[in-house]
N, C-alpha and C. Protein backbone atom coordinates (compact mmCIF):
# COMPACT_ATOMS: atom_id res chain seq x y z
N MET A 1 14.98 150.17 64.28
CA MET A 1 13.75 149.56 63.84
C MET A 1 13.90 148.04 63.90
N ILE A 2 12.82 147.39 64.30
CA ILE A 2 12.80 145.93 64.40
C ILE A 2 12.17 145.39 63.13
N ASP A 3 12.89 144.50 62.43
CA ASP A 3 12.44 144.04 61.12
C ASP A 3 11.54 142.82 61.15
N ASP A 4 11.56 142.03 62.22
CA ASP A 4 10.75 140.82 62.23
C ASP A 4 9.33 141.12 62.74
N GLU A 5 8.42 140.22 62.43
CA GLU A 5 7.03 140.36 62.87
C GLU A 5 6.90 139.84 64.30
N PRO A 6 6.08 140.50 65.12
CA PRO A 6 5.88 139.99 66.48
C PRO A 6 5.10 138.68 66.47
N GLU A 7 5.34 137.88 67.48
CA GLU A 7 4.56 136.66 67.69
C GLU A 7 3.21 137.05 68.30
N SER A 8 2.34 136.10 68.49
CA SER A 8 1.06 136.38 69.15
C SER A 8 1.31 136.71 70.62
N ALA A 9 0.36 137.37 71.23
CA ALA A 9 0.48 137.69 72.65
C ALA A 9 0.59 136.40 73.47
N GLN A 10 -0.09 135.36 73.05
CA GLN A 10 -0.03 134.07 73.75
C GLN A 10 1.40 133.54 73.80
N TYR A 11 2.15 133.71 72.73
CA TYR A 11 3.55 133.27 72.68
C TYR A 11 4.36 133.90 73.81
N TYR A 12 4.22 135.22 73.97
CA TYR A 12 4.97 135.93 75.01
C TYR A 12 4.44 135.59 76.41
N ASP A 13 3.12 135.41 76.53
CA ASP A 13 2.54 135.05 77.82
C ASP A 13 3.03 133.68 78.28
N GLU A 14 3.01 132.70 77.37
CA GLU A 14 3.42 131.34 77.72
C GLU A 14 4.88 131.28 78.15
N ARG A 15 5.70 132.16 77.62
CA ARG A 15 7.13 132.16 77.92
C ARG A 15 7.51 133.22 78.96
N ASN A 16 6.50 133.94 79.45
CA ASN A 16 6.70 134.99 80.45
C ASN A 16 7.76 135.99 79.99
N ILE A 17 7.62 136.47 78.77
CA ILE A 17 8.57 137.43 78.19
C ILE A 17 8.03 138.84 78.39
N TRP A 18 8.81 139.67 79.09
CA TRP A 18 8.45 141.07 79.33
C TRP A 18 9.67 141.94 79.04
N THR A 19 9.49 142.99 78.25
CA THR A 19 10.58 143.92 77.96
C THR A 19 10.93 144.69 79.23
N VAL A 20 12.20 144.68 79.59
CA VAL A 20 12.64 145.44 80.77
C VAL A 20 13.41 146.69 80.39
N ASP A 21 13.75 146.83 79.13
CA ASP A 21 14.47 148.01 78.64
C ASP A 21 13.66 148.59 77.47
N PRO A 22 12.64 149.41 77.77
CA PRO A 22 11.74 149.88 76.72
C PRO A 22 12.40 150.87 75.76
N THR A 23 11.96 150.82 74.52
CA THR A 23 12.41 151.80 73.53
C THR A 23 11.63 153.09 73.75
N SER A 24 12.04 154.15 73.11
CA SER A 24 11.30 155.41 73.24
C SER A 24 9.89 155.25 72.67
N ALA A 25 9.75 154.44 71.62
CA ALA A 25 8.42 154.19 71.05
C ALA A 25 7.55 153.41 72.05
N ASP A 26 8.16 152.44 72.76
CA ASP A 26 7.42 151.70 73.80
C ASP A 26 6.86 152.68 74.83
N LYS A 27 7.71 153.60 75.27
CA LYS A 27 7.30 154.57 76.29
C LYS A 27 6.21 155.51 75.77
N GLU A 28 6.35 155.94 74.52
CA GLU A 28 5.36 156.85 73.95
C GLU A 28 3.99 156.18 73.84
N VAL A 29 3.97 154.97 73.29
CA VAL A 29 2.71 154.25 73.14
C VAL A 29 2.12 153.92 74.51
N TYR A 30 2.96 153.53 75.46
CA TYR A 30 2.50 153.26 76.82
C TYR A 30 1.80 154.49 77.40
N GLY A 31 2.42 155.65 77.25
CA GLY A 31 1.86 156.89 77.80
C GLY A 31 0.49 157.20 77.23
N VAL A 32 0.32 157.02 75.93
CA VAL A 32 -0.97 157.28 75.29
C VAL A 32 -2.01 156.26 75.78
N PHE A 33 -1.63 154.98 75.79
CA PHE A 33 -2.55 153.95 76.28
C PHE A 33 -2.99 154.23 77.71
N ALA A 34 -2.03 154.55 78.57
CA ALA A 34 -2.34 154.79 79.99
C ALA A 34 -3.33 155.93 80.14
N ALA A 35 -3.09 157.02 79.44
CA ALA A 35 -3.99 158.18 79.52
C ALA A 35 -5.38 157.83 78.98
N ASP A 36 -5.42 157.10 77.88
CA ASP A 36 -6.70 156.75 77.29
C ASP A 36 -7.47 155.73 78.12
N VAL A 37 -6.79 154.81 78.77
CA VAL A 37 -7.49 153.87 79.64
C VAL A 37 -8.16 154.64 80.78
N VAL A 38 -7.48 155.61 81.34
CA VAL A 38 -8.08 156.42 82.41
C VAL A 38 -9.32 157.15 81.88
N ARG A 39 -9.19 157.74 80.71
CA ARG A 39 -10.35 158.45 80.11
C ARG A 39 -11.51 157.50 79.85
N LEU A 40 -11.21 156.31 79.34
CA LEU A 40 -12.27 155.35 79.03
C LEU A 40 -12.94 154.82 80.29
N VAL A 41 -12.18 154.61 81.35
CA VAL A 41 -12.79 154.18 82.62
C VAL A 41 -13.72 155.27 83.14
N GLN A 42 -13.30 156.53 83.05
CA GLN A 42 -14.16 157.63 83.48
C GLN A 42 -15.43 157.69 82.65
N LEU A 43 -15.30 157.50 81.34
CA LEU A 43 -16.45 157.50 80.45
C LEU A 43 -17.42 156.37 80.81
N LEU A 44 -16.88 155.18 81.08
CA LEU A 44 -17.72 154.06 81.49
C LEU A 44 -18.44 154.37 82.80
N ASP A 45 -17.71 154.91 83.77
CA ASP A 45 -18.33 155.22 85.06
C ASP A 45 -19.46 156.23 84.91
N GLU A 46 -19.25 157.24 84.08
CA GLU A 46 -20.28 158.27 83.88
C GLU A 46 -21.52 157.72 83.19
N ASN A 47 -21.33 156.74 82.32
CA ASN A 47 -22.45 156.23 81.52
C ASN A 47 -22.99 154.89 81.98
N GLU A 48 -22.42 154.33 83.03
CA GLU A 48 -22.79 153.00 83.51
C GLU A 48 -24.30 152.82 83.70
N PRO A 49 -25.00 153.78 84.31
CA PRO A 49 -26.44 153.56 84.52
C PRO A 49 -27.23 153.46 83.21
N LEU A 50 -26.70 154.00 82.13
CA LEU A 50 -27.42 154.04 80.85
C LEU A 50 -27.02 152.91 79.91
N MET A 51 -26.00 152.16 80.27
CA MET A 51 -25.45 151.15 79.35
C MET A 51 -26.08 149.78 79.57
N SER A 52 -26.12 149.02 78.49
CA SER A 52 -26.53 147.61 78.58
C SER A 52 -25.52 146.91 79.47
N ARG A 53 -26.00 145.99 80.29
CA ARG A 53 -25.14 145.34 81.27
C ARG A 53 -24.00 144.57 80.61
N ASP A 54 -24.28 143.84 79.52
CA ASP A 54 -23.24 143.05 78.88
C ASP A 54 -22.18 143.93 78.22
N VAL A 55 -22.61 145.04 77.63
CA VAL A 55 -21.66 145.96 77.00
C VAL A 55 -20.74 146.55 78.06
N TYR A 56 -21.35 147.04 79.15
CA TYR A 56 -20.56 147.62 80.24
C TYR A 56 -19.57 146.60 80.80
N ALA A 57 -20.04 145.39 81.08
CA ALA A 57 -19.19 144.37 81.70
C ALA A 57 -18.01 144.01 80.80
N ARG A 58 -18.24 143.85 79.52
CA ARG A 58 -17.15 143.46 78.61
C ARG A 58 -16.15 144.60 78.40
N PHE A 59 -16.65 145.82 78.25
CA PHE A 59 -15.73 146.95 78.10
C PHE A 59 -14.89 147.12 79.36
N PHE A 60 -15.55 147.02 80.52
CA PHE A 60 -14.82 147.18 81.77
C PHE A 60 -13.77 146.09 81.93
N ALA A 61 -14.12 144.84 81.63
CA ALA A 61 -13.17 143.73 81.74
C ALA A 61 -11.98 143.93 80.82
N SER A 62 -12.25 144.43 79.63
CA SER A 62 -11.17 144.67 78.66
C SER A 62 -10.22 145.76 79.18
N LEU A 63 -10.78 146.82 79.71
CA LEU A 63 -9.95 147.90 80.26
C LEU A 63 -9.17 147.43 81.48
N LEU A 64 -9.78 146.61 82.30
CA LEU A 64 -9.09 146.09 83.47
C LEU A 64 -7.90 145.22 83.06
N ALA A 65 -8.09 144.38 82.04
CA ALA A 65 -7.00 143.54 81.54
C ALA A 65 -5.88 144.40 80.98
N SER A 66 -6.23 145.45 80.23
CA SER A 66 -5.22 146.35 79.67
C SER A 66 -4.46 147.07 80.79
N SER A 67 -5.17 147.50 81.79
CA SER A 67 -4.54 148.20 82.91
C SER A 67 -3.57 147.29 83.65
N ARG A 68 -3.96 146.05 83.86
CA ARG A 68 -3.07 145.10 84.55
C ARG A 68 -1.82 144.82 83.72
N MET A 69 -2.00 144.66 82.42
CA MET A 69 -0.86 144.41 81.53
C MET A 69 0.09 145.60 81.54
N MET A 70 -0.44 146.81 81.49
CA MET A 70 0.42 148.00 81.52
C MET A 70 1.13 148.12 82.86
N GLY A 71 0.47 147.72 83.93
CA GLY A 71 1.10 147.74 85.24
C GLY A 71 2.30 146.79 85.32
N GLU A 72 2.18 145.64 84.65
CA GLU A 72 3.31 144.70 84.61
C GLU A 72 4.52 145.35 83.94
N TYR A 73 4.29 146.05 82.84
CA TYR A 73 5.40 146.72 82.17
C TYR A 73 5.96 147.84 83.03
N GLU A 74 5.08 148.64 83.58
CA GLU A 74 5.55 149.77 84.40
C GLU A 74 6.40 149.28 85.57
N ASP A 75 5.97 148.19 86.20
CA ASP A 75 6.71 147.64 87.33
C ASP A 75 8.10 147.15 86.93
N SER A 76 8.23 146.66 85.68
CA SER A 76 9.51 146.10 85.26
C SER A 76 10.45 147.13 84.63
N TRP A 77 9.91 148.29 84.29
CA TRP A 77 10.75 149.31 83.65
C TRP A 77 11.52 150.11 84.70
N ASN A 78 12.35 151.00 84.20
CA ASN A 78 13.20 151.81 85.09
C ASN A 78 12.41 152.40 86.23
N GLU A 79 13.03 152.42 87.39
CA GLU A 79 12.37 152.98 88.55
C GLU A 79 12.01 154.45 88.34
N GLY A 80 12.83 155.16 87.59
CA GLY A 80 12.59 156.60 87.39
C GLY A 80 11.61 156.92 86.29
N TYR A 81 11.17 155.91 85.51
CA TYR A 81 10.27 156.19 84.40
C TYR A 81 8.87 156.44 84.89
N GLN A 82 8.28 157.52 84.39
CA GLN A 82 6.87 157.80 84.65
C GLN A 82 6.21 158.12 83.32
N ALA A 83 5.01 157.64 83.12
CA ALA A 83 4.29 157.89 81.87
C ALA A 83 4.10 159.39 81.71
N PRO A 84 4.25 159.89 80.47
CA PRO A 84 4.06 161.33 80.23
C PRO A 84 2.64 161.76 80.47
């Protein structure tokens, strides 16, 4: 268990800090996030014609940013690791 509090995301971004040796909890949370991002993108696609343009655009942008961030981690983790 890690006892200290995490810094802001900006702190890690500014210093280009990326975990290359994920914990089992990192992998578990990653797997859930990855699956849910896929589900949420599908939900957005299905409902896009019915949604307000600003709501759709912001949700989609948020999911795109999350997907890119998760891709950075996946690329840096073990070659054999695949999300559950």
